Amino acid sequence: MQNSNQPPINKKDSHFLTQLKRVYLAFFDKPQTMKEVDFSTGVMRESICRYCRTLKLQNQLYPIRKRYCSITKHLATEYTTNPELILEDDQLKLWE
């Protein structure tokens, strides 16, 4: 039974939250491109773009580097949701 203060969660919202969690955990396990997350989770690439936007707005998705994707063989950004894997920017230290 749900708390009366919370709005009911419909099936569409539940599906969104489940996929968002899968995408978050895939990026957390190891830095990947969006297409690699598509293959590892089964979540469509188009949906991953939307989830990445949500995670970026919440400051939970961090770009790591540019590299060639193992699937598309094109240059792509590698992302992570694990804050321990973020590289510190040495340029910010110039102003100290």
N, C-alpha and C. Protein backbone atom coordinates (compact mmCIF):
# COMPACT_ATOMS: atom_id res chain seq x y z
N MET A 1 0.84 -1.17 0.00
CA MET A 1 0.00 0.00 0.00
C MET A 1 0.89 1.24 0.00
N GLN A 2 0.55 2.21 -0.84
CA GLN A 2 1.36 3.41 -0.95
C GLN A 2 0.96 4.44 0.09
N ASN A 3 1.92 5.28 0.42
CA ASN A 3 1.68 6.38 1.33
C ASN A 3 0.72 7.36 0.66
N SER A 4 -0.24 7.89 1.40
CA SER A 4 -1.24 8.78 0.81
C SER A 4 -0.65 10.12 0.40
N ASN A 5 0.54 10.46 0.90
CA ASN A 5 1.18 11.73 0.54
C ASN A 5 1.89 11.67 -0.81
N GLN A 6 2.14 10.48 -1.31
CA GLN A 6 2.85 10.32 -2.57
C GLN A 6 1.86 10.04 -3.69
N PRO A 7 2.15 10.60 -4.88
CA PRO A 7 1.26 10.29 -6.01
C PRO A 7 1.44 8.83 -6.42
N PRO A 8 0.42 8.22 -6.95
CA PRO A 8 0.55 6.82 -7.37
C PRO A 8 1.54 6.71 -8.54
N ILE A 9 2.31 5.64 -8.54
CA ILE A 9 3.28 5.40 -9.61
C ILE A 9 2.60 4.53 -10.65
N ASN A 10 2.48 5.07 -11.86
CA ASN A 10 1.87 4.26 -12.90
C ASN A 10 2.93 3.39 -13.58
N LYS A 11 2.51 2.52 -14.44
CA LYS A 11 3.40 1.55 -15.07
C LYS A 11 4.49 2.23 -15.89
N LYS A 12 4.14 3.32 -16.59
CA LYS A 12 5.10 4.03 -17.42
C LYS A 12 6.21 4.64 -16.56
N ASP A 13 5.84 5.27 -15.43
CA ASP A 13 6.83 5.85 -14.53
C ASP A 13 7.73 4.78 -13.93
N SER A 14 7.17 3.66 -13.58
CA SER A 14 7.93 2.56 -13.02
C SER A 14 8.95 2.04 -14.02
N HIS A 15 8.55 1.93 -15.28
CA HIS A 15 9.46 1.46 -16.34
C HIS A 15 10.60 2.46 -16.52
N PHE A 16 10.29 3.77 -16.50
CA PHE A 16 11.31 4.81 -16.62
C PHE A 16 12.33 4.70 -15.49
N LEU A 17 11.85 4.54 -14.26
CA LEU A 17 12.75 4.47 -13.11
C LEU A 17 13.60 3.22 -13.14
N THR A 18 13.06 2.11 -13.57
CA THR A 18 13.81 0.87 -13.67
C THR A 18 14.92 0.99 -14.70
N GLN A 19 14.60 1.54 -15.88
CA GLN A 19 15.62 1.70 -16.91
C GLN A 19 16.66 2.73 -16.49
N LEU A 20 16.24 3.81 -15.86
CA LEU A 20 17.18 4.83 -15.39
C LEU A 20 18.17 4.22 -14.41
N LYS A 21 17.69 3.38 -13.53
CA LYS A 21 18.57 2.72 -12.55
C LYS A 21 19.56 1.78 -13.25
N ARG A 22 19.09 1.04 -14.25
CA ARG A 22 19.97 0.14 -14.99
C ARG A 22 21.07 0.91 -15.71
N VAL A 23 20.71 2.06 -16.30
CA VAL A 23 21.70 2.89 -17.00
C VAL A 23 22.69 3.48 -16.00
N TYR A 24 22.17 3.97 -14.88
CA TYR A 24 23.04 4.53 -13.83
C TYR A 24 24.07 3.48 -13.37
N LEU A 25 23.60 2.28 -13.08
CA LEU A 25 24.49 1.22 -12.59
C LEU A 25 25.49 0.77 -13.65
N ALA A 26 25.09 0.77 -14.92
CA ALA A 26 26.01 0.40 -15.99
C ALA A 26 27.16 1.40 -16.09
N PHE A 27 26.84 2.69 -16.00
CA PHE A 27 27.89 3.71 -16.01
C PHE A 27 28.72 3.66 -14.73
N PHE A 28 28.13 3.26 -13.62
CA PHE A 28 28.84 3.19 -12.35
C PHE A 28 29.86 2.04 -12.34
N ASP A 29 29.47 0.90 -12.91
CA ASP A 29 30.34 -0.27 -12.91
C ASP A 29 31.65 -0.01 -13.64
N LYS A 30 31.55 0.59 -14.82
CA LYS A 30 32.76 0.95 -15.56
C LYS A 30 32.41 2.07 -16.54
N PRO A 31 33.34 2.98 -16.77
CA PRO A 31 33.08 4.05 -17.74
C PRO A 31 32.82 3.47 -19.12
N GLN A 32 31.78 3.98 -19.77
CA GLN A 32 31.37 3.46 -21.08
C GLN A 32 30.81 4.58 -21.93
N THR A 33 30.69 4.31 -23.22
CA THR A 33 29.97 5.21 -24.11
C THR A 33 28.49 4.84 -24.03
N MET A 34 27.64 5.70 -24.56
CA MET A 34 26.20 5.43 -24.52
C MET A 34 25.86 4.17 -25.32
N LYS A 35 26.52 3.98 -26.44
CA LYS A 35 26.23 2.79 -27.26
C LYS A 35 26.65 1.51 -26.54
N GLU A 36 27.74 1.55 -25.80
CA GLU A 36 28.17 0.38 -25.05
C GLU A 36 27.17 0.05 -23.94
N VAL A 37 26.59 1.09 -23.33
CA VAL A 37 25.56 0.87 -22.32
C VAL A 37 24.31 0.27 -22.97
N ASP A 38 24.00 0.71 -24.19
CA ASP A 38 22.89 0.13 -24.95
C ASP A 38 23.08 -1.38 -25.07
N PHE A 39 24.25 -1.82 -25.45
CA PHE A 39 24.51 -3.24 -25.63
C PHE A 39 24.54 -4.00 -24.30
N SER A 40 25.08 -3.37 -23.25
CA SER A 40 25.20 -4.09 -21.98
C SER A 40 23.90 -4.17 -21.19
N THR A 41 22.99 -3.21 -21.39
CA THR A 41 21.75 -3.19 -20.61
C THR A 41 20.52 -3.60 -21.39
N GLY A 42 20.57 -3.45 -22.71
CA GLY A 42 19.39 -3.72 -23.52
C GLY A 42 18.44 -2.53 -23.60
N VAL A 43 18.81 -1.41 -22.97
CA VAL A 43 18.01 -0.19 -23.04
C VAL A 43 18.35 0.50 -24.36
N MET A 44 17.33 0.96 -25.07
CA MET A 44 17.56 1.58 -26.38
C MET A 44 18.42 2.83 -26.25
N ARG A 45 19.29 3.05 -27.23
CA ARG A 45 20.20 4.19 -27.24
C ARG A 45 19.44 5.51 -27.13
N GLU A 46 18.30 5.61 -27.78
CA GLU A 46 17.50 6.83 -27.72
C GLU A 46 17.04 7.12 -26.29
N SER A 47 16.69 6.09 -25.57
CA SER A 47 16.27 6.26 -24.18
C SER A 47 17.46 6.61 -23.29
N ILE A 48 18.61 6.03 -23.59
CA ILE A 48 19.82 6.33 -22.81
C ILE A 48 20.16 7.81 -22.90
N CYS A 49 19.96 8.43 -24.06
CA CYS A 49 20.19 9.87 -24.20
C CYS A 49 19.32 10.65 -23.21
N ARG A 50 18.07 10.27 -23.10
CA ARG A 50 17.14 10.94 -22.18
C ARG A 50 17.58 10.72 -20.73
N TYR A 51 17.98 9.50 -20.40
CA TYR A 51 18.41 9.21 -19.03
C TYR A 51 19.72 9.95 -18.71
N CYS A 52 20.61 10.07 -19.68
CA CYS A 52 21.85 10.80 -19.47
C CYS A 52 21.56 12.27 -19.19
N ARG A 53 20.59 12.82 -19.90
CA ARG A 53 20.22 14.21 -19.64
C ARG A 53 19.70 14.36 -18.22
N THR A 54 18.87 13.43 -17.79
CA THR A 54 18.34 13.46 -16.42
C THR A 54 19.48 13.38 -15.40
N LEU A 55 20.43 12.48 -15.63
CA LEU A 55 21.55 12.32 -14.71
C LEU A 55 22.47 13.54 -14.73
N LYS A 56 22.66 14.16 -15.89
CA LYS A 56 23.49 15.37 -15.97
C LYS A 56 22.84 16.51 -15.20
N LEU A 57 21.54 16.67 -15.33
CA LEU A 57 20.84 17.73 -14.62
C LEU A 57 20.92 17.54 -13.10
N GLN A 58 21.07 16.29 -12.67
CA GLN A 58 21.19 15.99 -11.24
C GLN A 58 22.66 15.93 -10.80
N ASN A 59 23.57 16.30 -11.70
CA ASN A 59 25.03 16.25 -11.44
C ASN A 59 25.49 14.86 -11.00
N GLN A 60 24.99 13.83 -11.69
CA GLN A 60 25.36 12.46 -11.37
C GLN A 60 26.07 11.75 -12.52
N LEU A 61 26.25 12.42 -13.65
CA LEU A 61 26.91 11.81 -14.80
C LEU A 61 28.08 12.70 -15.18
N TYR A 62 29.25 12.08 -15.32
CA TYR A 62 30.47 12.84 -15.56
C TYR A 62 31.19 12.33 -16.81
N PRO A 63 31.57 13.24 -17.71
CA PRO A 63 32.38 12.81 -18.86
C PRO A 63 33.80 12.52 -18.39
N ILE A 64 34.37 11.45 -18.88
CA ILE A 64 35.72 11.06 -18.49
C ILE A 64 36.74 11.46 -19.57
N ARG A 65 36.48 11.01 -20.79
CA ARG A 65 37.40 11.29 -21.88
C ARG A 65 36.73 10.97 -23.21
N LYS A 66 37.39 11.36 -24.28
CA LYS A 66 36.94 10.99 -25.63
C LYS A 66 37.79 9.79 -26.05
N ARG A 67 37.14 8.81 -26.65
CA ARG A 67 37.84 7.63 -27.18
C ARG A 67 36.99 7.00 -28.26
N TYR A 68 37.56 6.05 -28.95
CA TYR A 68 36.80 5.35 -29.98
C TYR A 68 35.94 4.27 -29.33
N CYS A 69 34.66 4.28 -29.65
CA CYS A 69 33.71 3.31 -29.11
C CYS A 69 34.05 1.92 -29.64
N SER A 70 33.97 0.94 -28.76
CA SER A 70 34.29 -0.44 -29.16
C SER A 70 33.22 -1.03 -30.07
N ILE A 71 32.05 -0.41 -30.14
CA ILE A 71 30.96 -0.94 -30.96
C ILE A 71 30.88 -0.21 -32.30
N THR A 72 30.83 1.14 -32.24
CA THR A 72 30.65 1.92 -33.47
C THR A 72 31.97 2.24 -34.15
N LYS A 73 33.07 2.17 -33.40
CA LYS A 73 34.41 2.52 -33.90
C LYS A 73 34.53 4.01 -34.22
N HIS A 74 33.61 4.83 -33.70
CA HIS A 74 33.66 6.27 -33.88
C HIS A 74 34.07 6.94 -32.57
N LEU A 75 34.59 8.16 -32.69
CA LEU A 75 34.97 8.91 -31.51
C LEU A 75 33.73 9.26 -30.69
N ALA A 76 33.77 8.96 -29.40
CA ALA A 76 32.61 9.18 -28.53
C ALA A 76 33.09 9.54 -27.13
N THR A 77 32.21 10.11 -26.35
CA THR A 77 32.53 10.46 -24.97
C THR A 77 32.25 9.27 -24.06
N GLU A 78 33.19 9.03 -23.18
CA GLU A 78 33.05 7.97 -22.18
C GLU A 78 32.56 8.64 -20.89
N TYR A 79 31.51 8.08 -20.29
CA TYR A 79 30.88 8.65 -19.10
C TYR A 79 30.97 7.69 -17.93
N THR A 80 30.83 8.26 -16.72
CA THR A 80 30.71 7.46 -15.51
C THR A 80 29.75 8.15 -14.55
N THR A 81 29.16 7.38 -13.66
CA THR A 81 28.36 7.93 -12.58
C THR A 81 29.08 7.75 -11.24
N ASN A 82 30.25 7.15 -11.28
CA ASN A 82 31.04 6.91 -10.08
C ASN A 82 31.93 8.12 -9.81
N PRO A 83 31.67 8.90 -8.75
CA PRO A 83 32.46 10.10 -8.48
C PRO A 83 33.94 9.83 -8.20
N GLU A 84 34.28 8.61 -7.80
CA GLU A 84 35.67 8.27 -7.52
C GLU A 84 36.51 8.18 -8.80
N LEU A 85 35.86 8.04 -9.94
CA LEU A 85 36.59 7.90 -11.21
C LEU A 85 36.78 9.22 -11.95
N ILE A 86 36.29 10.30 -11.37
CA ILE A 86 36.41 11.60 -12.02
C ILE A 86 37.85 12.07 -11.92
N LEU A 87 38.39 12.50 -13.04
CA LEU A 87 39.75 13.03 -13.05
C LEU A 87 39.72 14.48 -12.60
N GLU A 88 40.64 14.83 -11.73
CA GLU A 88 40.71 16.20 -11.26
C GLU A 88 41.34 17.07 -12.35
N ASP A 89 40.75 18.23 -12.57
CA ASP A 89 41.24 19.15 -13.60
C ASP A 89 42.36 20.00 -13.01
N ASP A 90 43.58 19.80 -13.51
CA ASP A 90 44.74 20.54 -13.01
C ASP A 90 44.68 22.02 -13.38
N GLN A 91 43.94 22.39 -14.40
CA GLN A 91 43.87 23.78 -14.81
C GLN A 91 43.21 24.65 -13.73
N LEU A 92 42.34 24.08 -12.94
CA LEU A 92 41.69 24.86 -11.89
C LEU A 92 42.69 25.28 -10.82
N LYS A 93 43.78 24.55 -10.68
CA LYS A 93 44.79 24.87 -9.69
C LYS A 93 45.63 26.08 -10.09
N LEU A 94 45.58 26.49 -11.35
CA LEU A 94 46.37 27.63 -11.81
C LEU A 94 45.99 28.91 -11.10
N TRP A 95 44.75 29.02 -10.62
CA TRP A 95 44.25 30.25 -10.04
C TRP A 95 44.38 30.28 -8.53
N GLU A 96 44.96 29.27 -7.96
CA GLU A 96 45.11 29.23 -6.49
C GLU A 96 46.33 30.02 -6.05
